[in-house]
Amino acid sequence: MMKHYTAIEAAERVDVAYSTMREHVRAGKVQAKRKGRALSIKESELRRVYPDAFAADDIAEEAADIAADKAADFTDDTADTADTVTAKAAEGPHVYREQEALAVEAEVLRVKLEAAEQAHDATRRELEGVRDSFERTQHQL
């Protein structure tokens, strides 16, 4: 779902003065719709006019996606290895193989925990941004 910003939120998001944002809307540089007395500006419109303001977010999001994919691939590969080692350990009472299987399983759990922590951090940062935006809006009212 496409996010919409008020003129104040949009100005903060792209790091321009509120008066500059209003002028850009008035001049037609930024397309906006009126909702009562307030302006509503689509994120896609801000991205079109101010692409640099979103570059860092886009790069961070892409990096997080790549990290998650790599963690998932590594987890899948490690899980396959763990299954193989566990199966071999079950074939005979070799303590070394059992220890190897446990080490691989521990590594699988470590990678899964790391991926979960990264997802948690990303969600926390997003929630903090929403909370800050809400608090700024409440303060302005």
Protein backbone atom coordinates (compact mmCIF):
# COMPACT_ATOMS: atom_id res chain seq x y z
CA MET A 1 0.00 0.00 0.00
CA MET A 2 1.37 3.39 -0.99
CA LYS A 3 2.12 5.72 1.88
CA HIS A 4 0.74 9.25 1.93
CA TYR A 5 2.30 12.22 3.71
CA THR A 6 0.99 15.55 4.88
CA ALA A 7 2.96 18.53 3.60
CA ILE A 8 4.75 18.82 6.95
CA GLU A 9 5.64 15.11 7.01
CA ALA A 10 6.73 15.24 3.36
CA ALA A 11 8.98 18.24 4.02
CA GLU A 12 10.58 16.45 6.98
CA ARG A 13 10.94 13.22 5.00
CA VAL A 14 12.82 14.85 2.13
CA ASP A 15 14.62 17.37 4.35
CA VAL A 16 13.26 20.61 2.92
CA ALA A 17 11.52 23.47 4.70
CA TYR A 18 7.75 23.29 5.01
CA SER A 19 7.50 26.57 3.08
CA THR A 20 9.60 25.05 0.28
CA MET A 21 7.31 22.02 0.10
CA ARG A 22 4.24 24.28 -0.08
CA GLU A 23 5.89 26.32 -2.83
CA HIS A 24 6.75 23.17 -4.81
CA VAL A 25 3.11 22.05 -4.54
CA ARG A 26 1.84 25.51 -5.49
CA ALA A 27 4.23 25.62 -8.50
CA GLY A 28 3.16 22.15 -9.64
CA LYS A 29 6.56 20.55 -9.10
CA VAL A 30 5.01 18.21 -6.52
CA GLN A 31 1.56 16.77 -7.16
CA ALA A 32 -0.70 16.80 -4.08
CA LYS A 33 -4.37 16.39 -3.26
CA ARG A 34 -6.32 18.41 -0.78
CA LYS A 35 -8.06 16.62 2.05
CA GLY A 36 -9.97 19.40 3.70
CA ARG A 37 -7.36 22.02 4.54
CA ALA A 38 -4.49 19.51 4.54
CA LEU A 39 -2.40 18.34 1.61
CA SER A 40 -1.86 14.66 0.87
CA ILE A 41 1.27 13.70 -1.05
CA LYS A 42 1.99 10.17 -2.25
CA GLU A 43 5.35 8.65 -1.43
CA SER A 44 5.77 7.78 -5.12
CA GLU A 45 5.48 11.49 -5.93
CA LEU A 46 8.16 12.35 -3.35
CA ARG A 47 10.38 9.62 -4.77
CA ARG A 48 9.89 11.07 -8.27
CA VAL A 49 10.76 14.63 -7.28
CA TYR A 50 13.31 13.93 -4.51
CA PRO A 51 14.94 10.58 -5.40
CA ASP A 52 18.07 11.28 -3.34
CA ALA A 53 15.99 11.55 -0.17
CA PHE A 54 15.07 7.87 -0.52
CA ALA A 55 18.39 6.51 -1.80
CA ALA A 56 19.76 5.56 1.63
CA ASP A 57 16.51 3.82 2.59
CA ASP A 58 16.42 1.94 -0.70
CA ILE A 59 20.02 0.80 -0.28
CA ALA A 60 19.43 -0.25 3.33
CA GLU A 61 16.28 -2.15 2.35
CA GLU A 62 18.09 -3.89 -0.51
CA ALA A 63 21.00 -4.79 1.80
CA ALA A 64 18.59 -6.19 4.38
CA ASP A 65 16.86 -8.27 1.68
CA ILE A 66 20.21 -9.60 0.44
CA ALA A 67 21.32 -10.40 4.00
CA ALA A 68 18.04 -12.19 4.71
CA ASP A 69 18.34 -14.19 1.47
CA LYS A 70 21.94 -15.14 2.24
CA ALA A 71 21.01 -16.11 5.80
CA ALA A 72 18.15 -18.25 4.48
CA ASP A 73 20.41 -19.90 1.89
CA PHE A 74 23.09 -20.50 4.50
CA THR A 75 20.48 -21.87 6.91
CA ASP A 76 19.13 -24.22 4.23
CA ASP A 77 22.63 -25.41 3.30
CA THR A 78 23.61 -25.83 6.95
CA ALA A 79 20.36 -27.67 7.71
CA ASP A 80 21.07 -30.06 4.83
CA THR A 81 24.58 -30.62 6.19
CA ALA A 82 23.19 -31.13 9.69
CA ASP A 83 20.72 -33.73 8.40
CA THR A 84 23.51 -35.56 6.55
CA VAL A 85 25.83 -35.53 9.54
CA THR A 86 23.02 -36.58 11.88
CA ALA A 87 22.14 -39.46 9.55
CA LYS A 88 25.78 -40.58 9.44
CA ALA A 89 26.04 -40.33 13.22
CA ALA A 90 22.98 -42.56 13.51
CA GLU A 91 24.69 -45.24 11.42
CA GLY A 92 27.23 -45.97 14.11
CA PRO A 93 28.07 -45.07 17.67
CA HIS A 94 30.86 -42.67 16.74
CA VAL A 95 31.14 -39.92 19.29
CA TYR A 96 33.04 -37.71 16.87
CA ARG A 97 30.20 -37.76 14.34
CA GLU A 98 27.66 -36.98 17.03
CA GLN A 99 29.72 -34.02 18.19
CA GLU A 100 30.03 -32.87 14.57
CA ALA A 101 26.26 -33.11 14.13
CA LEU A 102 25.67 -31.12 17.31
CA ALA A 103 28.15 -28.47 16.17
CA VAL A 104 26.36 -28.13 12.83
CA GLU A 105 22.95 -27.95 14.55
CA ALA A 106 24.31 -25.26 16.88
CA GLU A 107 25.52 -23.28 13.84
CA VAL A 108 22.07 -23.59 12.24
CA LEU A 109 20.47 -22.22 15.38
CA ARG A 110 23.02 -19.41 15.59
CA VAL A 111 22.29 -18.33 11.99
CA LYS A 112 18.54 -18.49 12.55
CA LEU A 113 18.91 -16.38 15.70
CA GLU A 114 21.03 -13.83 13.85
CA ALA A 115 18.44 -13.57 11.06
CA ALA A 116 15.65 -13.16 13.61
CA GLU A 117 17.62 -10.44 15.42
CA GLN A 118 18.16 -8.58 12.13
CA ALA A 119 14.44 -8.77 11.34
CA HIS A 120 13.64 -7.59 14.87
CA ASP A 121 16.03 -4.62 14.54
CA ALA A 122 14.52 -3.62 11.18
CA THR A 123 11.00 -3.78 12.64
CA ARG A 124 12.10 -1.79 15.70
CA ARG A 125 13.63 0.94 13.52
CA GLU A 126 10.48 1.14 11.40
CA LEU A 127 8.29 1.34 14.51
CA GLU A 128 10.48 4.09 15.98
CA GLY A 129 10.10 6.09 12.76
CA VAL A 130 6.32 5.71 12.83
CA ARG A 131 6.23 6.66 16.52
CA ASP A 132 8.40 9.74 15.92
CA SER A 133 6.20 10.82 13.03
CA PHE A 134 3.08 10.32 15.16
CA GLU A 135 4.58 12.32 18.03
CA ARG A 136 5.54 15.17 15.69
CA THR A 137 2.01 15.20 14.28
CA GLN A 138 0.50 15.21 17.76
CA HIS A 139 2.82 18.01 18.82
CA GLN A 140 1.80 20.09 15.81
CA LEU A 141 -1.87 19.66 16.60
